[in-house]
Amino acid sequence: MSLAERLSDDLKQAMKSHDKLRTSVIRMVRSALKNREIESGKAPTDEDVVAVLQKELKQRKDSLASFVSAGRADLAEQAEAEIAILSEYLPQPLDDAQLRELAANVIAEVGATSRADMGKVMSQLMPQIRGRADGQVAQRIVQELLG
């Protein structure tokens, strides 16, 4: 089952159980997916769905920080609940050890020996970690391994 299909099924379930927050969050994600589909002219892949989820998650985290600094506990609580719902659909994040192992494997595959090979390594590594690790953290780890 694709991620888009899972979102559709979960939306139906949330509507049946009268879970207004989950229904609202999933509808928002599906709307963003529909907009992306219209822009690209093709059906969204799981990578597209993950990208939309990450974008929405980042927006909620930014909003949460603003709500907390403004002393709006009610809105902060809602943002935290939305973050929890969005996080359910994202792949499990990689920890530093797993990321270091993947980076070492890619370095060995491309035969990188110095920081001059950083571009080759990152171009191979990023598709493997997209949605599961931060690019800046990956870059730092690759620099450490090459340096």
N, C-alpha and C. Protein backbone atom coordinates (compact mmCIF):
# COMPACT_ATOMS: atom_id res chain seq x y z
N MET A 1 0.85 -1.17 0.00
CA MET A 1 0.00 0.00 0.00
C MET A 1 0.90 1.24 0.00
N SER A 2 0.63 2.13 -0.92
CA SER A 2 1.43 3.35 -1.00
C SER A 2 1.03 4.29 0.15
N LEU A 3 1.87 5.27 0.36
CA LEU A 3 1.64 6.23 1.43
C LEU A 3 0.38 7.06 1.15
N ALA A 4 0.15 7.40 -0.11
CA ALA A 4 -1.04 8.16 -0.48
C ALA A 4 -2.31 7.35 -0.21
N GLU A 5 -2.26 6.05 -0.50
CA GLU A 5 -3.41 5.19 -0.23
C GLU A 5 -3.65 5.06 1.27
N ARG A 6 -2.55 4.97 2.02
CA ARG A 6 -2.66 4.88 3.48
C ARG A 6 -3.31 6.15 4.04
N LEU A 7 -2.93 7.31 3.49
CA LEU A 7 -3.54 8.56 3.92
C LEU A 7 -5.04 8.56 3.63
N SER A 8 -5.43 8.06 2.47
CA SER A 8 -6.86 8.01 2.11
C SER A 8 -7.62 7.09 3.05
N ASP A 9 -7.05 5.93 3.33
CA ASP A 9 -7.71 4.99 4.24
C ASP A 9 -7.82 5.57 5.64
N ASP A 10 -6.74 6.21 6.09
CA ASP A 10 -6.75 6.80 7.43
C ASP A 10 -7.73 7.97 7.52
N LEU A 11 -7.90 8.70 6.42
CA LEU A 11 -8.87 9.79 6.41
C LEU A 11 -10.28 9.23 6.59
N LYS A 12 -10.58 8.16 5.88
CA LYS A 12 -11.90 7.54 6.02
C LYS A 12 -12.13 7.08 7.46
N GLN A 13 -11.10 6.46 8.03
CA GLN A 13 -11.20 5.95 9.40
C GLN A 13 -11.38 7.11 10.39
N ALA A 14 -10.65 8.19 10.19
CA ALA A 14 -10.75 9.34 11.08
C ALA A 14 -12.13 9.99 10.99
N MET A 15 -12.67 10.01 9.78
CA MET A 15 -14.01 10.58 9.61
C MET A 15 -15.06 9.71 10.29
N LYS A 16 -14.90 8.39 10.18
CA LYS A 16 -15.85 7.48 10.82
C LYS A 16 -15.81 7.59 12.34
N SER A 17 -14.59 7.80 12.87
CA SER A 17 -14.45 7.88 14.33
C SER A 17 -14.62 9.29 14.86
N HIS A 18 -14.96 10.23 13.98
CA HIS A 18 -15.19 11.63 14.35
C HIS A 18 -13.97 12.27 15.01
N ASP A 19 -12.79 11.91 14.54
CA ASP A 19 -11.54 12.50 15.03
C ASP A 19 -11.26 13.74 14.19
N LYS A 20 -11.71 14.88 14.69
CA LYS A 20 -11.66 16.12 13.90
C LYS A 20 -10.22 16.56 13.62
N LEU A 21 -9.34 16.43 14.58
CA LEU A 21 -7.96 16.88 14.39
C LEU A 21 -7.26 16.03 13.33
N ARG A 22 -7.36 14.71 13.46
CA ARG A 22 -6.72 13.81 12.49
C ARG A 22 -7.32 14.03 11.10
N THR A 23 -8.63 14.19 11.03
CA THR A 23 -9.28 14.44 9.74
C THR A 23 -8.75 15.72 9.12
N SER A 24 -8.64 16.75 9.91
CA SER A 24 -8.14 18.04 9.42
C SER A 24 -6.71 17.95 8.92
N VAL A 25 -5.85 17.28 9.68
CA VAL A 25 -4.44 17.17 9.30
C VAL A 25 -4.29 16.36 8.02
N ILE A 26 -4.98 15.25 7.93
CA ILE A 26 -4.86 14.41 6.74
C ILE A 26 -5.43 15.12 5.52
N ARG A 27 -6.52 15.84 5.69
CA ARG A 27 -7.08 16.60 4.56
C ARG A 27 -6.09 17.65 4.08
N MET A 28 -5.41 18.29 5.03
CA MET A 28 -4.42 19.31 4.68
C MET A 28 -3.29 18.69 3.87
N VAL A 29 -2.82 17.52 4.28
CA VAL A 29 -1.75 16.84 3.56
C VAL A 29 -2.23 16.42 2.18
N ARG A 30 -3.42 15.89 2.10
CA ARG A 30 -3.95 15.46 0.79
C ARG A 30 -4.14 16.65 -0.13
N SER A 31 -4.52 17.78 0.40
CA SER A 31 -4.66 19.00 -0.40
C SER A 31 -3.31 19.43 -0.95
N ALA A 32 -2.28 19.40 -0.11
CA ALA A 32 -0.93 19.76 -0.56
C ALA A 32 -0.45 18.78 -1.62
N LEU A 33 -0.79 17.50 -1.46
CA LEU A 33 -0.42 16.49 -2.45
C LEU A 33 -1.13 16.75 -3.78
N LYS A 34 -2.39 17.12 -3.71
CA LYS A 34 -3.15 17.39 -4.92
C LYS A 34 -2.55 18.58 -5.66
N ASN A 35 -2.14 19.62 -4.91
CA ASN A 35 -1.50 20.78 -5.52
C ASN A 35 -0.19 20.38 -6.20
N ARG A 36 0.57 19.53 -5.54
CA ARG A 36 1.84 19.07 -6.12
C ARG A 36 1.58 18.24 -7.38
N GLU A 37 0.51 17.44 -7.34
CA GLU A 37 0.16 16.62 -8.51
C GLU A 37 -0.22 17.52 -9.69
N ILE A 38 -0.94 18.57 -9.43
CA ILE A 38 -1.35 19.50 -10.49
C ILE A 38 -0.13 20.21 -11.07
N GLU A 39 0.79 20.62 -10.19
CA GLU A 39 2.00 21.30 -10.64
C GLU A 39 2.88 20.39 -11.51
N SER A 40 3.05 19.13 -11.07
CA SER A 40 3.96 18.24 -11.78
C SER A 40 3.27 17.51 -12.93
N GLY A 41 1.96 17.40 -12.89
CA GLY A 41 1.24 16.72 -13.95
C GLY A 41 1.28 15.21 -13.86
N LYS A 42 1.72 14.69 -12.72
CA LYS A 42 1.75 13.23 -12.56
C LYS A 42 1.35 12.87 -11.13
N ALA A 43 0.96 11.62 -10.96
CA ALA A 43 0.53 11.16 -9.64
C ALA A 43 1.72 11.19 -8.67
N PRO A 44 1.46 11.55 -7.42
CA PRO A 44 2.56 11.64 -6.46
C PRO A 44 3.12 10.26 -6.09
N THR A 45 4.43 10.17 -6.02
CA THR A 45 5.10 8.96 -5.57
C THR A 45 5.23 9.02 -4.06
N ASP A 46 5.71 7.94 -3.46
CA ASP A 46 5.92 7.94 -2.02
C ASP A 46 6.94 9.00 -1.63
N GLU A 47 7.93 9.24 -2.49
CA GLU A 47 8.92 10.29 -2.21
C GLU A 47 8.26 11.66 -2.18
N ASP A 48 7.31 11.89 -3.09
CA ASP A 48 6.57 13.16 -3.11
C ASP A 48 5.76 13.31 -1.83
N VAL A 49 5.13 12.23 -1.40
CA VAL A 49 4.32 12.27 -0.19
C VAL A 49 5.20 12.58 1.02
N VAL A 50 6.36 11.94 1.10
CA VAL A 50 7.28 12.19 2.21
C VAL A 50 7.75 13.64 2.19
N ALA A 51 8.04 14.18 1.01
CA ALA A 51 8.48 15.57 0.90
C ALA A 51 7.39 16.52 1.39
N VAL A 52 6.15 16.25 1.02
CA VAL A 52 5.04 17.10 1.47
C VAL A 52 4.87 16.98 2.99
N LEU A 53 4.96 15.76 3.50
CA LEU A 53 4.85 15.56 4.95
C LEU A 53 5.95 16.31 5.70
N GLN A 54 7.17 16.25 5.17
CA GLN A 54 8.27 16.94 5.82
C GLN A 54 8.07 18.45 5.81
N LYS A 55 7.57 18.96 4.70
CA LYS A 55 7.32 20.39 4.59
C LYS A 55 6.26 20.82 5.61
N GLU A 56 5.19 20.06 5.68
CA GLU A 56 4.12 20.37 6.63
C GLU A 56 4.61 20.25 8.08
N LEU A 57 5.44 19.23 8.33
CA LEU A 57 5.98 19.04 9.67
C LEU A 57 6.87 20.22 10.06
N LYS A 58 7.69 20.67 9.13
CA LYS A 58 8.58 21.82 9.40
C LYS A 58 7.74 23.05 9.70
N GLN A 59 6.66 23.27 8.94
CA GLN A 59 5.79 24.41 9.20
C GLN A 59 5.18 24.34 10.59
N ARG A 60 4.76 23.13 11.00
CA ARG A 60 4.17 22.98 12.33
C ARG A 60 5.21 23.24 13.43
N LYS A 61 6.44 22.77 13.22
CA LYS A 61 7.49 22.99 14.22
C LYS A 61 7.83 24.47 14.33
N ASP A 62 7.86 25.17 13.21
CA ASP A 62 8.11 26.62 13.24
C ASP A 62 6.97 27.33 13.97
N SER A 63 5.74 26.91 13.67
CA SER A 63 4.57 27.49 14.34
C SER A 63 4.61 27.21 15.83
N LEU A 64 5.00 26.00 16.19
CA LEU A 64 5.07 25.62 17.60
C LEU A 64 6.04 26.54 18.35
N ALA A 65 7.19 26.79 17.76
CA ALA A 65 8.17 27.68 18.40
C ALA A 65 7.58 29.08 18.58
N SER A 66 6.87 29.56 17.59
CA SER A 66 6.24 30.88 17.68
C SER A 66 5.16 30.91 18.75
N PHE A 67 4.35 29.86 18.81
CA PHE A 67 3.28 29.82 19.80
C PHE A 67 3.83 29.77 21.22
N VAL A 68 4.89 29.00 21.41
CA VAL A 68 5.49 28.89 22.74
C VAL A 68 6.08 30.23 23.15
N SER A 69 6.79 30.89 22.25
CA SER A 69 7.40 32.17 22.60
C SER A 69 6.35 33.25 22.84
N ALA A 70 5.18 33.11 22.22
CA ALA A 70 4.11 34.08 22.42
C ALA A 70 3.22 33.73 23.61
N GLY A 71 3.50 32.58 24.24
CA GLY A 71 2.71 32.19 25.40
C GLY A 71 1.33 31.66 25.06
N ARG A 72 1.16 31.14 23.86
CA ARG A 72 -0.13 30.60 23.44
C ARG A 72 -0.14 29.09 23.63
N ALA A 73 -0.37 28.65 24.84
CA ALA A 73 -0.34 27.22 25.17
C ALA A 73 -1.39 26.43 24.40
N ASP A 74 -2.56 27.03 24.17
CA ASP A 74 -3.62 26.33 23.46
C ASP A 74 -3.21 26.01 22.02
N LEU A 75 -2.63 26.97 21.34
CA LEU A 75 -2.20 26.75 19.97
C LEU A 75 -0.96 25.85 19.92
N ALA A 76 -0.10 25.97 20.91
CA ALA A 76 1.09 25.12 20.98
C ALA A 76 0.68 23.66 21.15
N GLU A 77 -0.32 23.43 21.97
CA GLU A 77 -0.81 22.07 22.20
C GLU A 77 -1.38 21.47 20.91
N GLN A 78 -2.12 22.27 20.15
CA GLN A 78 -2.68 21.79 18.89
C GLN A 78 -1.56 21.50 17.89
N ALA A 79 -0.55 22.37 17.83
CA ALA A 79 0.57 22.15 16.91
C ALA A 79 1.31 20.87 17.28
N GLU A 80 1.49 20.61 18.57
CA GLU A 80 2.15 19.37 18.99
C GLU A 80 1.36 18.14 18.57
N ALA A 81 0.03 18.22 18.68
CA ALA A 81 -0.82 17.11 18.27
C ALA A 81 -0.71 16.88 16.76
N GLU A 82 -0.67 17.96 15.99
CA GLU A 82 -0.53 17.84 14.54
C GLU A 82 0.83 17.26 14.17
N ILE A 83 1.87 17.67 14.89
CA ILE A 83 3.22 17.13 14.66
C ILE A 83 3.23 15.62 14.90
N ALA A 84 2.56 15.18 15.95
CA ALA A 84 2.50 13.76 16.26
C ALA A 84 1.81 12.98 15.15
N ILE A 85 0.74 13.53 14.62
CA ILE A 85 0.01 12.86 13.54
C ILE A 85 0.87 12.79 12.28
N LEU A 86 1.50 13.89 11.92
CA LEU A 86 2.34 13.91 10.72
C LEU A 86 3.53 12.96 10.86
N SER A 87 4.09 12.87 12.04
CA SER A 87 5.26 12.02 12.27
C SER A 87 4.94 10.54 12.07
N GLU A 88 3.69 10.16 12.27
CA GLU A 88 3.30 8.76 12.08
C GLU A 88 3.51 8.29 10.65
N TYR A 89 3.47 9.20 9.69
CA TYR A 89 3.55 8.83 8.29
C TYR A 89 4.97 8.91 7.72
N LEU A 90 5.87 9.50 8.47
CA LEU A 90 7.25 9.63 8.00
C LEU A 90 8.05 8.39 8.34
N PRO A 91 9.03 8.05 7.50
CA PRO A 91 9.88 6.90 7.81
C PRO A 91 10.69 7.16 9.08
N GLN A 92 11.10 6.08 9.72
CA GLN A 92 11.88 6.21 10.95
C GLN A 92 13.20 6.92 10.65
N PRO A 93 13.54 7.94 11.44
CA PRO A 93 14.79 8.65 11.20
C PRO A 93 16.01 7.78 11.51
N LEU A 94 17.07 8.06 10.80
CA LEU A 94 18.33 7.34 11.02
C LEU A 94 19.07 7.99 12.18
N ASP A 95 19.70 7.17 13.03
CA ASP A 95 20.55 7.76 14.06
C ASP A 95 21.93 7.97 13.45
N ASP A 96 22.82 8.63 14.19
CA ASP A 96 24.14 8.96 13.66
C ASP A 96 24.94 7.72 13.27
N ALA A 97 24.82 6.65 14.04
CA ALA A 97 25.58 5.43 13.73
C ALA A 97 25.12 4.83 12.40
N GLN A 98 23.82 4.76 12.18
CA GLN A 98 23.30 4.23 10.92
C GLN A 98 23.69 5.12 9.74
N LEU A 99 23.63 6.43 9.96
CA LEU A 99 23.99 7.37 8.92
C LEU A 99 25.48 7.26 8.60
N ARG A 100 26.30 7.11 9.61
CA ARG A 100 27.75 6.97 9.43
C ARG A 100 28.04 5.69 8.62
N GLU A 101 27.32 4.62 8.92
CA GLU A 101 27.51 3.35 8.20
C GLU A 101 27.13 3.48 6.73
N LEU A 102 25.98 4.12 6.46
CA LEU A 102 25.56 4.34 5.07
C LEU A 102 26.56 5.20 4.33
N ALA A 103 27.04 6.25 4.98
CA ALA A 103 28.01 7.15 4.36
C ALA A 103 29.31 6.40 4.04
N ALA A 104 29.76 5.55 4.96
CA ALA A 104 30.98 4.78 4.74
C ALA A 104 30.81 3.83 3.56
N ASN A 105 29.64 3.21 3.44
CA ASN A 105 29.37 2.32 2.32
C ASN A 105 29.41 3.07 0.99
N VAL A 106 28.80 4.26 0.96
CA VAL A 106 28.78 5.05 -0.27
C VAL A 106 30.19 5.51 -0.63
N ILE A 107 30.96 5.91 0.38
CA ILE A 107 32.35 6.33 0.13
C ILE A 107 33.13 5.18 -0.50
N ALA A 108 32.93 3.98 0.01
CA ALA A 108 33.62 2.81 -0.54
C ALA A 108 33.15 2.52 -1.97
N GLU A 109 31.85 2.65 -2.22
CA GLU A 109 31.29 2.39 -3.55
C GLU A 109 31.86 3.32 -4.60
N VAL A 110 31.92 4.62 -4.29
CA VAL A 110 32.37 5.59 -5.29
C VAL A 110 33.89 5.74 -5.30
N GLY A 111 34.56 5.14 -4.34
CA GLY A 111 36.02 5.21 -4.26
C GLY A 111 36.52 6.58 -3.86
N ALA A 112 35.77 7.27 -3.02
CA ALA A 112 36.16 8.61 -2.59
C ALA A 112 37.33 8.53 -1.61
N THR A 113 38.27 9.46 -1.77
CA THR A 113 39.45 9.45 -0.91
C THR A 113 39.72 10.78 -0.25
N SER A 114 39.11 11.86 -0.75
CA SER A 114 39.36 13.17 -0.16
C SER A 114 38.08 14.01 -0.20
N ARG A 115 38.18 15.19 0.38
CA ARG A 115 37.01 16.08 0.39
C ARG A 115 36.65 16.55 -1.02
N ALA A 116 37.55 16.43 -1.95
CA ALA A 116 37.26 16.80 -3.34
C ALA A 116 36.18 15.89 -3.93
N ASP A 117 36.02 14.70 -3.35
CA ASP A 117 35.02 13.73 -3.82
C ASP A 117 33.68 13.89 -3.10
N MET A 118 33.55 14.94 -2.33
CA MET A 118 32.35 15.16 -1.52
C MET A 118 31.08 15.17 -2.37
N GLY A 119 31.11 15.81 -3.51
CA GLY A 119 29.93 15.90 -4.38
C GLY A 119 29.46 14.53 -4.86
N LYS A 120 30.42 13.69 -5.24
CA LYS A 120 30.06 12.34 -5.70
C LYS A 120 29.40 11.55 -4.59
N VAL A 121 29.97 11.66 -3.39
CA VAL A 121 29.45 10.92 -2.25
C VAL A 121 28.04 11.41 -1.89
N MET A 122 27.87 12.72 -1.79
CA MET A 122 26.58 13.27 -1.39
C MET A 122 25.50 12.98 -2.43
N SER A 123 25.86 13.00 -3.72
CA SER A 123 24.85 12.73 -4.75
C SER A 123 24.36 11.28 -4.68
N GLN A 124 25.20 10.37 -4.21
CA GLN A 124 24.79 8.97 -4.04
C GLN A 124 24.08 8.75 -2.70
N LEU A 125 24.48 9.49 -1.69
CA LEU A 125 23.96 9.28 -0.34
C LEU A 125 22.57 9.89 -0.14
N MET A 126 22.35 11.07 -0.67
CA MET A 126 21.10 11.78 -0.40
C MET A 126 19.84 11.01 -0.80
N PRO A 127 19.80 10.36 -1.96
CA PRO A 127 18.57 9.60 -2.27
C PRO A 127 18.31 8.47 -1.28
N GLN A 128 19.35 7.93 -0.67
CA GLN A 128 19.19 6.84 0.29
C GLN A 128 18.65 7.32 1.63
N ILE A 129 18.96 8.57 1.98
CA ILE A 129 18.57 9.06 3.31
C ILE A 129 17.45 10.07 3.28
N ARG A 130 16.99 10.45 2.09
CA ARG A 130 15.96 11.48 1.98
C ARG A 130 14.74 11.12 2.84
N GLY A 131 14.38 12.06 3.68
CA GLY A 131 13.23 11.84 4.55
C GLY A 131 13.56 11.15 5.86
N ARG A 132 14.80 10.66 5.99
CA ARG A 132 15.16 9.93 7.20
C ARG A 132 16.31 10.58 7.96
N ALA A 133 17.00 11.54 7.33
CA ALA A 133 18.10 12.22 8.00
C ALA A 133 18.28 13.60 7.40
N ASP A 134 18.81 14.51 8.19
CA ASP A 134 19.06 15.87 7.77
C ASP A 134 20.29 15.92 6.87
N GLY A 135 20.20 16.64 5.78
CA GLY A 135 21.30 16.74 4.83
C GLY A 135 22.55 17.36 5.42
N GLN A 136 22.37 18.33 6.31
CA GLN A 136 23.54 18.98 6.93
C GLN A 136 24.28 18.03 7.85
N VAL A 137 23.55 17.20 8.56
CA VAL A 137 24.18 16.20 9.43
C VAL A 137 24.93 15.19 8.57
N ALA A 138 24.31 14.77 7.47
CA ALA A 138 24.96 13.83 6.56
C ALA A 138 26.24 14.44 5.99
N GLN A 139 26.18 15.70 5.62
CA GLN A 139 27.35 16.37 5.07
C GLN A 139 28.48 16.42 6.10
N ARG A 140 28.14 16.73 7.34
CA ARG A 140 29.15 16.78 8.40
C ARG A 140 29.80 15.41 8.60
N ILE A 141 29.00 14.37 8.59
CA ILE A 141 29.54 13.01 8.78
C ILE A 141 30.44 12.61 7.61
N VAL A 142 30.01 12.93 6.39
CA VAL A 142 30.83 12.60 5.22
C VAL A 142 32.15 13.37 5.28
N GLN A 143 32.11 14.62 5.68
CA GLN A 143 33.35 15.40 5.82
C GLN A 143 34.29 14.76 6.84
N GLU A 144 33.72 14.32 7.95
CA GLU A 144 34.55 13.66 8.98
C GLU A 144 35.20 12.40 8.41
N LEU A 145 34.40 11.61 7.68
CA LEU A 145 34.93 10.35 7.14
C LEU A 145 35.98 10.58 6.05
N LEU A 146 35.81 11.65 5.28
CA LEU A 146 36.77 11.94 4.22
C LEU A 146 37.97 12.72 4.73
N GLY A 147 37.79 13.44 5.83
CA GLY A 147 38.86 14.29 6.35
C GLY A 147 39.75 13.52 7.22
